[in-house]
Amino acid sequence: MSTHDIIQQRLESLQPETIELHDESHEHAGHAGAKGAGGHYRLFIVSKLFAGKTTLARHRMVYAAVGDLMNGSIHALAITAQTPEELNRMFSH
């Protein structure tokens, strides 16, 4: 199973309505962090569980879900975490 698949599997604990996970490691070739095994990922996730939570709390929820991957398989993780209502407001304008 690839790191991408493992990340997605672990994020299922957040009951996401939407997950978009992109491996951007190739864009960081030559970067000091890219020399190790960890990849660079960009995550867009929508979950009702984020309701009433600050951005920091939402990010902590994501980090808790991916757990030990942050110390190995993931070097960098850019997160956009929204509720379904926030996503709907974004598209209703």
PDB file of N, CA and C in Angstrom:
ATOM      1  N   MET A   1       0.852  -1.178   0.000  1.00  0.00           N
ATOM      2  CA  MET A   1       0.000   0.000   0.000  1.00  0.00           C
ATOM      3  C   MET A   1       0.900   1.243   0.000  1.00  0.00           C
ATOM      4  N   SER A   2       0.589   2.212  -0.830  1.00  0.00           N
ATOM      5  CA  SER A   2       1.397   3.428  -0.937  1.00  0.00           C
ATOM      6  C   SER A   2       1.143   4.355   0.252  1.00  0.00           C
ATOM      7  N   THR A   3       2.061   5.283   0.472  1.00  0.00           N
ATOM      8  CA  THR A   3       1.883   6.278   1.541  1.00  0.00           C
ATOM      9  C   THR A   3       0.597   7.059   1.311  1.00  0.00           C
ATOM     10  N   HIS A   4       0.330   7.406   0.075  1.00  0.00           N
ATOM     11  CA  HIS A   4      -0.891   8.134  -0.278  1.00  0.00           C
ATOM     12  C   HIS A   4      -2.121   7.365   0.203  1.00  0.00           C
ATOM     13  N   ASP A   5      -2.157   6.068  -0.080  1.00  0.00           N
ATOM     14  CA  ASP A   5      -3.290   5.222   0.326  1.00  0.00           C
ATOM     15  C   ASP A   5      -3.388   5.101   1.842  1.00  0.00           C
ATOM     16  N   ILE A   6      -2.258   4.986   2.512  1.00  0.00           N
ATOM     17  CA  ILE A   6      -2.257   4.878   3.970  1.00  0.00           C
ATOM     18  C   ILE A   6      -2.790   6.166   4.599  1.00  0.00           C
ATOM     19  N   ILE A   7      -2.361   7.307   4.077  1.00  0.00           N
ATOM     20  CA  ILE A   7      -2.855   8.597   4.592  1.00  0.00           C
ATOM     21  C   ILE A   7      -4.364   8.662   4.432  1.00  0.00           C
ATOM     22  N   GLN A   8      -4.853   8.352   3.242  1.00  0.00           N
ATOM     23  CA  GLN A   8      -6.293   8.399   3.003  1.00  0.00           C
ATOM     24  C   GLN A   8      -7.047   7.450   3.933  1.00  0.00           C
ATOM     25  N   GLN A   9      -6.507   6.267   4.132  1.00  0.00           N
ATOM     26  CA  GLN A   9      -7.140   5.281   5.005  1.00  0.00           C
ATOM     27  C   GLN A   9      -7.229   5.823   6.434  1.00  0.00           C
ATOM     28  N   ARG A  10      -6.162   6.411   6.924  1.00  0.00           N
ATOM     29  CA  ARG A  10      -6.153   6.936   8.289  1.00  0.00           C
ATOM     30  C   ARG A  10      -7.093   8.128   8.447  1.00  0.00           C
ATOM     31  N   LEU A  11      -7.239   8.913   7.403  1.00  0.00           N
ATOM     32  CA  LEU A  11      -8.123  10.084   7.467  1.00  0.00           C
ATOM     33  C   LEU A  11      -9.595   9.690   7.521  1.00  0.00           C
ATOM     34  N   GLU A  12      -9.909   8.450   7.201  1.00  0.00           N
ATOM     35  CA  GLU A  12     -11.298   7.979   7.274  1.00  0.00           C
ATOM     36  C   GLU A  12     -11.852   8.106   8.697  1.00  0.00           C
ATOM     37  N   SER A  13     -10.983   8.116   9.697  1.00  0.00           N
ATOM     38  CA  SER A  13     -11.425   8.272  11.087  1.00  0.00           C
ATOM     39  C   SER A  13     -12.081   9.634  11.325  1.00  0.00           C
ATOM     40  N   LEU A  14     -11.839  10.592  10.427  1.00  0.00           N
ATOM     41  CA  LEU A  14     -12.441  11.928  10.534  1.00  0.00           C
ATOM     42  C   LEU A  14     -13.782  12.015   9.805  1.00  0.00           C
ATOM     43  N   GLN A  15     -14.256  10.899   9.318  1.00  0.00           N
ATOM     44  CA  GLN A  15     -15.540  10.811   8.622  1.00  0.00           C
ATOM     45  C   GLN A  15     -15.679  11.882   7.525  1.00  0.00           C
ATOM     46  N   PRO A  16     -14.714  11.942   6.620  1.00  0.00           N
ATOM     47  CA  PRO A  16     -14.740  12.991   5.598  1.00  0.00           C
ATOM     48  C   PRO A  16     -15.834  12.802   4.565  1.00  0.00           C
ATOM     49  N   GLU A  17     -16.388  13.924   4.137  1.00  0.00           N
ATOM     50  CA  GLU A  17     -17.314  13.916   2.999  1.00  0.00           C
ATOM     51  C   GLU A  17     -16.522  14.074   1.713  1.00  0.00           C
ATOM     52  N   THR A  18     -15.380  14.736   1.820  1.00  0.00           N
ATOM     53  CA  THR A  18     -14.495  14.956   0.677  1.00  0.00           C
ATOM     54  C   THR A  18     -13.056  14.857   1.150  1.00  0.00           C
ATOM     55  N   ILE A  19     -12.232  14.177   0.382  1.00  0.00           N
ATOM     56  CA  ILE A  19     -10.782  14.168   0.602  1.00  0.00           C
ATOM     57  C   ILE A  19     -10.124  14.335  -0.759  1.00  0.00           C
ATOM     58  N   GLU A  20      -9.253  15.314  -0.846  1.00  0.00           N
ATOM     59  CA  GLU A  20      -8.386  15.455  -2.016  1.00  0.00           C
ATOM     60  C   GLU A  20      -6.968  15.510  -1.477  1.00  0.00           C
ATOM     61  N   LEU A  21      -6.181  14.515  -1.799  1.00  0.00           N
ATOM     62  CA  LEU A  21      -4.812  14.418  -1.320  1.00  0.00           C
ATOM     63  C   LEU A  21      -3.885  14.364  -2.520  1.00  0.00           C
ATOM     64  N   HIS A  22      -2.974  15.326  -2.576  1.00  0.00           N
ATOM     65  CA  HIS A  22      -2.054  15.408  -3.708  1.00  0.00           C
ATOM     66  C   HIS A  22      -0.619  15.272  -3.219  1.00  0.00           C
ATOM     67  N   ASP A  23       0.119  14.395  -3.863  1.00  0.00           N
ATOM     68  CA  ASP A  23       1.540  14.224  -3.572  1.00  0.00           C
ATOM     69  C   ASP A  23       2.299  15.247  -4.409  1.00  0.00           C
ATOM     70  N   GLU A  24       2.927  16.206  -3.731  1.00  0.00           N
ATOM     71  CA  GLU A  24       3.667  17.267  -4.412  1.00  0.00           C
ATOM     72  C   GLU A  24       5.174  17.090  -4.244  1.00  0.00           C
ATOM     73  N   SER A  25       5.583  15.906  -3.885  1.00  0.00           N
ATOM     74  CA  SER A  25       7.000  15.642  -3.616  1.00  0.00           C
ATOM     75  C   SER A  25       7.884  16.009  -4.799  1.00  0.00           C
ATOM     76  N   HIS A  26       7.406  15.720  -6.002  1.00  0.00           N
ATOM     77  CA  HIS A  26       8.203  16.003  -7.201  1.00  0.00           C
ATOM     78  C   HIS A  26       8.511  17.490  -7.355  1.00  0.00           C
ATOM     79  N   GLU A  27       7.674  18.350  -6.764  1.00  0.00           N
ATOM     80  CA  GLU A  27       7.886  19.795  -6.859  1.00  0.00           C
ATOM     81  C   GLU A  27       8.964  20.281  -5.890  1.00  0.00           C
ATOM     82  N   HIS A  28       9.425  19.397  -5.015  1.00  0.00           N
ATOM     83  CA  HIS A  28      10.396  19.790  -3.997  1.00  0.00           C
ATOM     84  C   HIS A  28      11.742  19.094  -4.179  1.00  0.00           C
ATOM     85  N   ALA A  29      11.990  18.606  -5.364  1.00  0.00           N
ATOM     86  CA  ALA A  29      13.271  17.958  -5.642  1.00  0.00           C
ATOM     87  C   ALA A  29      14.397  18.948  -5.356  1.00  0.00           C
ATOM     88  N   GLY A  30      15.401  18.495  -4.634  1.00  0.00           N
ATOM     89  CA  GLY A  30      16.527  19.361  -4.289  1.00  0.00           C
ATOM     90  C   GLY A  30      16.355  20.061  -2.957  1.00  0.00           C
ATOM     91  N   HIS A  31      15.140  20.106  -2.437  1.00  0.00           N
ATOM     92  CA  HIS A  31      14.852  20.697  -1.133  1.00  0.00           C
ATOM     93  C   HIS A  31      15.463  19.807  -0.063  1.00  0.00           C
ATOM     94  N   ALA A  32      15.984  20.399   1.011  1.00  0.00           N
ATOM     95  CA  ALA A  32      16.659  19.624   2.057  1.00  0.00           C
ATOM     96  C   ALA A  32      15.762  18.512   2.601  1.00  0.00           C
ATOM     97  N   GLY A  33      14.479  18.793   2.805  1.00  0.00           N
ATOM     98  CA  GLY A  33      13.565  17.784   3.338  1.00  0.00           C
ATOM     99  C   GLY A  33      13.258  16.681   2.364  1.00  0.00           C
ATOM    100  N   ALA A  34      13.437  16.953   1.087  1.00  0.00           N
ATOM    101  CA  ALA A  34      13.132  15.946   0.070  1.00  0.00           C
ATOM    102  C   ALA A  34      14.213  14.874  -0.013  1.00  0.00           C
ATOM    103  N   LYS A  35      15.354  15.122   0.609  1.00  0.00           N
ATOM    104  CA  LYS A  35      16.440  14.146   0.568  1.00  0.00           C
ATOM    105  C   LYS A  35      16.131  12.925   1.420  1.00  0.00           C
ATOM    106  N   GLY A  36      15.267  13.091   2.433  1.00  0.00           N
ATOM    107  CA  GLY A  36      14.864  11.966   3.271  1.00  0.00           C
ATOM    108  C   GLY A  36      13.743  11.209   2.586  1.00  0.00           C
ATOM    109  N   ALA A  37      13.137  10.316   3.324  1.00  0.00           N
ATOM    110  CA  ALA A  37      12.081   9.477   2.760  1.00  0.00           C
ATOM    111  C   ALA A  37      10.723  10.172   2.754  1.00  0.00           C
ATOM    112  N   GLY A  38      10.564  11.248   3.520  1.00  0.00           N
ATOM    113  CA  GLY A  38       9.259  11.878   3.662  1.00  0.00           C
ATOM    114  C   GLY A  38       8.832  12.662   2.443  1.00  0.00           C
ATOM    115  N   GLY A  39       7.534  12.563   2.135  1.00  0.00           N
ATOM    116  CA  GLY A  39       6.978  13.268   0.994  1.00  0.00           C
ATOM    117  C   GLY A  39       6.282  14.561   1.392  1.00  0.00           C
ATOM    118  N   HIS A  40       5.982  15.367   0.386  1.00  0.00           N
ATOM    119  CA  HIS A  40       5.251  16.617   0.552  1.00  0.00           C
ATOM    120  C   HIS A  40       3.844  16.416   0.007  1.00  0.00           C
ATOM    121  N   TYR A  41       2.839  16.684   0.837  1.00  0.00           N
ATOM    122  CA  TYR A  41       1.454  16.453   0.448  1.00  0.00           C
ATOM    123  C   TYR A  41       0.612  17.699   0.694  1.00  0.00           C
ATOM    124  N   ARG A  42      -0.428  17.854  -0.121  1.00  0.00           N
ATOM    125  CA  ARG A  42      -1.428  18.914   0.052  1.00  0.00           C
ATOM    126  C   ARG A  42      -2.772  18.210   0.230  1.00  0.00           C
ATOM    127  N   LEU A  43      -3.480  18.581   1.320  1.00  0.00           N
ATOM    128  CA  LEU A  43      -4.736  17.932   1.675  1.00  0.00           C
ATOM    129  C   LEU A  43      -5.872  18.946   1.728  1.00  0.00           C
ATOM    130  N   PHE A  44      -6.970  18.597   1.076  1.00  0.00           N
ATOM    131  CA  PHE A  44      -8.234  19.323   1.203  1.00  0.00           C
ATOM    132  C   PHE A  44      -9.218  18.312   1.760  1.00  0.00           C
ATOM    133  N   ILE A  45      -9.778  18.621   2.932  1.00  0.00           N
ATOM    134  CA  ILE A  45     -10.673  17.667   3.585  1.00  0.00           C
ATOM    135  C   ILE A  45     -11.890  18.396   4.133  1.00  0.00           C
ATOM    136  N   VAL A  46     -13.055  17.793   3.963  1.00  0.00           N
ATOM    137  CA  VAL A  46     -14.318  18.347   4.446  1.00  0.00           C
ATOM    138  C   VAL A  46     -14.947  17.321   5.381  1.00  0.00           C
ATOM    139  N   SER A  47     -15.268  17.765   6.606  1.00  0.00           N
ATOM    140  CA  SER A  47     -15.867  16.859   7.581  1.00  0.00           C
ATOM    141  C   SER A  47     -16.752  17.636   8.553  1.00  0.00           C
ATOM    142  N   LYS A  48     -17.866  17.028   8.927  1.00  0.00           N
ATOM    143  CA  LYS A  48     -18.741  17.606   9.946  1.00  0.00           C
ATOM    144  C   LYS A  48     -18.037  17.680  11.294  1.00  0.00           C
ATOM    145  N   LEU A  49     -17.050  16.833  11.509  1.00  0.00           N
ATOM    146  CA  LEU A  49     -16.334  16.814  12.780  1.00  0.00           C
ATOM    147  C   LEU A  49     -15.537  18.096  13.028  1.00  0.00           C
ATOM    148  N   PHE A  50     -15.328  18.901  11.995  1.00  0.00           N
ATOM    149  CA  PHE A  50     -14.598  20.158  12.148  1.00  0.00           C
ATOM    150  C   PHE A  50     -15.479  21.295  12.659  1.00  0.00           C
ATOM    151  N   ALA A  51     -16.777  21.086  12.708  1.00  0.00           N
ATOM    152  CA  ALA A  51     -17.713  22.140  13.139  1.00  0.00           C
ATOM    153  C   ALA A  51     -17.358  22.624  14.543  1.00  0.00           C
ATOM    154  N   GLY A  52     -17.303  23.943  14.692  1.00  0.00           N
ATOM    155  CA  GLY A  52     -17.023  24.553  15.983  1.00  0.00           C
ATOM    156  C   GLY A  52     -15.563  24.506  16.395  1.00  0.00           C
ATOM    157  N   LYS A  53     -14.694  23.998  15.522  1.00  0.00           N
ATOM    158  CA  LYS A  53     -13.273  23.872  15.834  1.00  0.00           C
ATOM    159  C   LYS A  53     -12.475  24.981  15.143  1.00  0.00           C
ATOM    160  N   THR A  54     -11.432  25.445  15.800  1.00  0.00           N
ATOM    161  CA  THR A  54     -10.526  26.423  15.190  1.00  0.00           C
ATOM    162  C   THR A  54      -9.688  25.728  14.122  1.00  0.00           C
ATOM    163  N   THR A  55      -9.032  26.521  13.313  1.00  0.00           N
ATOM    164  CA  THR A  55      -8.131  25.969  12.300  1.00  0.00           C
ATOM    165  C   THR A  55      -7.060  25.105  12.966  1.00  0.00           C
ATOM    166  N   LEU A  56      -6.496  25.593  14.057  1.00  0.00           N
ATOM    167  CA  LEU A  56      -5.466  24.835  14.757  1.00  0.00           C
ATOM    168  C   LEU A  56      -6.005  23.502  15.260  1.00  0.00           C
ATOM    169  N   ALA A  57      -7.196  23.503  15.826  1.00  0.00           N
ATOM    170  CA  ALA A  57      -7.799  22.261  16.321  1.00  0.00           C
ATOM    171  C   ALA A  57      -8.051  21.290  15.175  1.00  0.00           C
ATOM    172  N   ARG A  58      -8.477  21.791  14.037  1.00  0.00           N
ATOM    173  CA  ARG A  58      -8.720  20.939  12.868  1.00  0.00           C
ATOM    174  C   ARG A  58      -7.413  20.303  12.396  1.00  0.00           C
ATOM    175  N   HIS A  59      -6.352  21.100  12.348  1.00  0.00           N
ATOM    176  CA  HIS A  59      -5.053  20.579  11.923  1.00  0.00           C
ATOM    177  C   HIS A  59      -4.562  19.524  12.903  1.00  0.00           C
ATOM    178  N   ARG A  60      -4.771  19.765  14.186  1.00  0.00           N
ATOM    179  CA  ARG A  60      -4.365  18.772  15.188  1.00  0.00           C
ATOM    180  C   ARG A  60      -5.132  17.466  15.001  1.00  0.00           C
ATOM    181  N   MET A  61      -6.395  17.556  14.618  1.00  0.00           N
ATOM    182  CA  MET A  61      -7.185  16.350  14.356  1.00  0.00           C
ATOM    183  C   MET A  61      -6.586  15.567  13.185  1.00  0.00           C
ATOM    184  N   VAL A  62      -6.181  16.282  12.145  1.00  0.00           N
ATOM    185  CA  VAL A  62      -5.577  15.632  10.980  1.00  0.00           C
ATOM    186  C   VAL A  62      -4.251  14.990  11.380  1.00  0.00           C
ATOM    187  N   TYR A  63      -3.416  15.752  12.104  1.00  0.00           N
ATOM    188  CA  TYR A  63      -2.122  15.205  12.534  1.00  0.00           C
ATOM    189  C   TYR A  63      -2.304  13.973  13.413  1.00  0.00           C
ATOM    190  N   ALA A  64      -3.304  13.999  14.282  1.00  0.00           N
ATOM    191  CA  ALA A  64      -3.574  12.836  15.140  1.00  0.00           C
ATOM    192  C   ALA A  64      -3.975  11.629  14.289  1.00  0.00           C
ATOM    193  N   ALA A  65      -4.738  11.883  13.227  1.00  0.00           N
ATOM    194  CA  ALA A  65      -5.188  10.791  12.356  1.00  0.00           C
ATOM    195  C   ALA A  65      -4.031  10.148  11.595  1.00  0.00           C
ATOM    196  N   VAL A  66      -3.099  10.963  11.112  1.00  0.00           N
ATOM    197  CA  VAL A  66      -1.980  10.392  10.346  1.00  0.00           C
ATOM    198  C   VAL A  66      -0.858   9.909  11.262  1.00  0.00           C
ATOM    199  N   GLY A  67      -0.874  10.354  12.516  1.00  0.00           N
ATOM    200  CA  GLY A  67       0.020   9.838  13.554  1.00  0.00           C
ATOM    201  C   GLY A  67       1.482   9.810  13.195  1.00  0.00           C
ATOM    202  N   ASP A  68       2.086   8.637  13.332  1.00  0.00           N
ATOM    203  CA  ASP A  68       3.521   8.459  13.165  1.00  0.00           C
ATOM    204  C   ASP A  68       4.017   8.714  11.744  1.00  0.00           C
ATOM    205  N   LEU A  69       3.128   8.832  10.793  1.00  0.00           N
ATOM    206  CA  LEU A  69       3.566   9.131   9.419  1.00  0.00           C
ATOM    207  C   LEU A  69       4.247  10.493   9.341  1.00  0.00           C
ATOM    208  N   MET A  70       3.876  11.406  10.263  1.00  0.00           N
ATOM    209  CA  MET A  70       4.473  12.740  10.268  1.00  0.00           C
ATOM    210  C   MET A  70       5.953  12.695  10.630  1.00  0.00           C
ATOM    211  N   ASN A  71       6.409  11.644  11.231  1.00  0.00           N
ATOM    212  CA  ASN A  71       7.819  11.519  11.598  1.00  0.00           C
ATOM    213  C   ASN A  71       8.607  10.675  10.610  1.00  0.00           C
ATOM    214  N   GLY A  72       7.988  10.316   9.507  1.00  0.00           N
ATOM    215  CA  GLY A  72       8.686   9.450   8.555  1.00  0.00           C
ATOM    216  C   GLY A  72       8.230   9.640   7.130  1.00  0.00           C
ATOM    217  N   SER A  73       7.092   9.074   6.793  1.00  0.00           N
ATOM    218  CA  SER A  73       6.611   9.074   5.412  1.00  0.00           C
ATOM    219  C   SER A  73       6.170  10.450   4.925  1.00  0.00           C
ATOM    220  N   ILE A  74       5.797  11.317   5.862  1.00  0.00           N
ATOM    221  CA  ILE A  74       5.361  12.670   5.501  1.00  0.00           C
ATOM    222  C   ILE A  74       6.371  13.673   6.037  1.00  0.00           C
ATOM    223  N   HIS A  75       6.932  14.463   5.135  1.00  0.00           N
ATOM    224  CA  HIS A  75       7.830  15.545   5.552  1.00  0.00           C
ATOM    225  C   HIS A  75       7.033  16.830   5.741  1.00  0.00           C
ATOM    226  N   ALA A  76       6.085  17.073   4.844  1.00  0.00           N
ATOM    227  CA  ALA A  76       5.278  18.294   4.900  1.00  0.00           C
ATOM    228  C   ALA A  76       3.848  17.973   4.494  1.00  0.00           C
ATOM    229  N   LEU A  77       2.905  18.590   5.208  1.00  0.00           N
ATOM    230  CA  LEU A  77       1.489  18.383   4.919  1.00  0.00           C
ATOM    231  C   LEU A  77       0.780  19.729   4.996  1.00  0.00           C
ATOM    232  N   ALA A  78       0.368  20.241   3.840  1.00  0.00           N
ATOM    233  CA  ALA A  78      -0.401  21.486   3.774  1.00  0.00           C
ATOM    234  C   ALA A  78      -1.877  21.108   3.873  1.00  0.00           C
ATOM    235  N   ILE A  79      -2.582  21.687   4.843  1.00  0.00           N
ATOM    236  CA  ILE A  79      -3.954  21.267   5.138  1.00  0.00           C
ATOM    237  C   ILE A  79      -4.942  22.397   4.935  1.00  0.00           C
ATOM    238  N   THR A  80      -6.023  22.090   4.220  1.00  0.00           N
ATOM    239  CA  THR A  80      -7.215  22.928   4.187  1.00  0.00           C
ATOM    240  C   THR A  80      -8.333  22.037   4.703  1.00  0.00           C
ATOM    241  N   ALA A  81      -8.894  22.417   5.864  1.00  0.00           N
ATOM    242  CA  ALA A  81      -9.926  21.602   6.512  1.00  0.00           C
ATOM    243  C   ALA A  81     -11.177  22.443   6.715  1.00  0.00           C
ATOM    244  N   GLN A  82     -12.282  22.008   6.137  1.00  0.00           N
ATOM    245  CA  GLN A  82     -13.527  22.762   6.189  1.00  0.00           C
ATOM    246  C   GLN A  82     -14.696  21.879   6.601  1.00  0.00           C
ATOM    247  N   THR A  83     -15.752  22.551   7.043  1.00  0.00           N
ATOM    248  CA  THR A  83     -17.017  21.865   7.300  1.00  0.00           C
ATOM    249  C   THR A  83     -17.807  21.864   5.994  1.00  0.00           C
ATOM    250  N   PRO A  84     -18.809  20.999   5.877  1.00  0.00           N
ATOM    251  CA  PRO A  84     -19.651  21.024   4.672  1.00  0.00           C
ATOM    252  C   PRO A  84     -20.318  22.390   4.472  1.00  0.00           C
ATOM    253  N   GLU A  85     -20.709  23.033   5.570  1.00  0.00           N
ATOM    254  CA  GLU A  85     -21.364  24.344   5.475  1.00  0.00           C
ATOM    255  C   GLU A  85     -20.409  25.398   4.918  1.00  0.00           C
ATOM    256  N   GLU A  86     -19.157  25.364   5.355  1.00  0.00           N
ATOM    257  CA  GLU A  86     -18.158  26.304   4.837  1.00  0.00           C
ATOM    258  C   GLU A  86     -17.926  26.086   3.347  1.00  0.00           C
ATOM    259  N   LEU A  87     -17.880  24.847   2.938  1.00  0.00           N
ATOM    260  CA  LEU A  87     -17.692  24.534   1.527  1.00  0.00           C
ATOM    261  C   LEU A  87     -18.881  25.032   0.711  1.00  0.00           C
ATOM    262  N   ASN A  88     -20.087  24.822   1.209  1.00  0.00           N
ATOM    263  CA  ASN A  88     -21.283  25.288   0.500  1.00  0.00           C
ATOM    264  C   ASN A  88     -21.305  26.804   0.377  1.00  0.00           C
ATOM    265  N   ARG A  89     -20.909  27.510   1.441  1.00  0.00           N
ATOM    266  CA  ARG A  89     -20.852  28.988   1.388  1.00  0.00           C
ATOM    267  C   ARG A  89     -19.841  29.453   0.359  1.00  0.00           C
ATOM    268  N   MET A  90     -18.740  28.744   0.253  1.00  0.00           N
ATOM    269  CA  MET A  90     -17.690  29.106  -0.682  1.00  0.00           C
ATOM    270  C   MET A  90     -18.210  29.039  -2.124  1.00  0.00           C
ATOM    271  N   PHE A  91     -19.045  28.043  -2.415  1.00  0.00           N
ATOM    272  CA  PHE A  91     -19.546  27.862  -3.774  1.00  0.00           C
ATOM    273  C   PHE A  91     -20.854  28.584  -4.044  1.00  0.00           C
ATOM    274  N   SER A  92     -21.460  29.147  -3.015  1.00  0.00           N
ATOM    275  CA  SER A  92     -22.742  29.832  -3.230  1.00  0.00           C
ATOM    276  C   SER A  92     -22.579  31.296  -3.558  1.00  0.00           C
ATOM    277  N   HIS A  93     -21.347  31.786  -3.565  1.00  0.00           N
ATOM    278  CA  HIS A  93     -21.114  33.209  -3.876  1.00  0.00           C
ATOM    279  C   HIS A  93     -20.859  33.429  -5.324  1.00  0.00           C
TER     280      HIS A  93
END
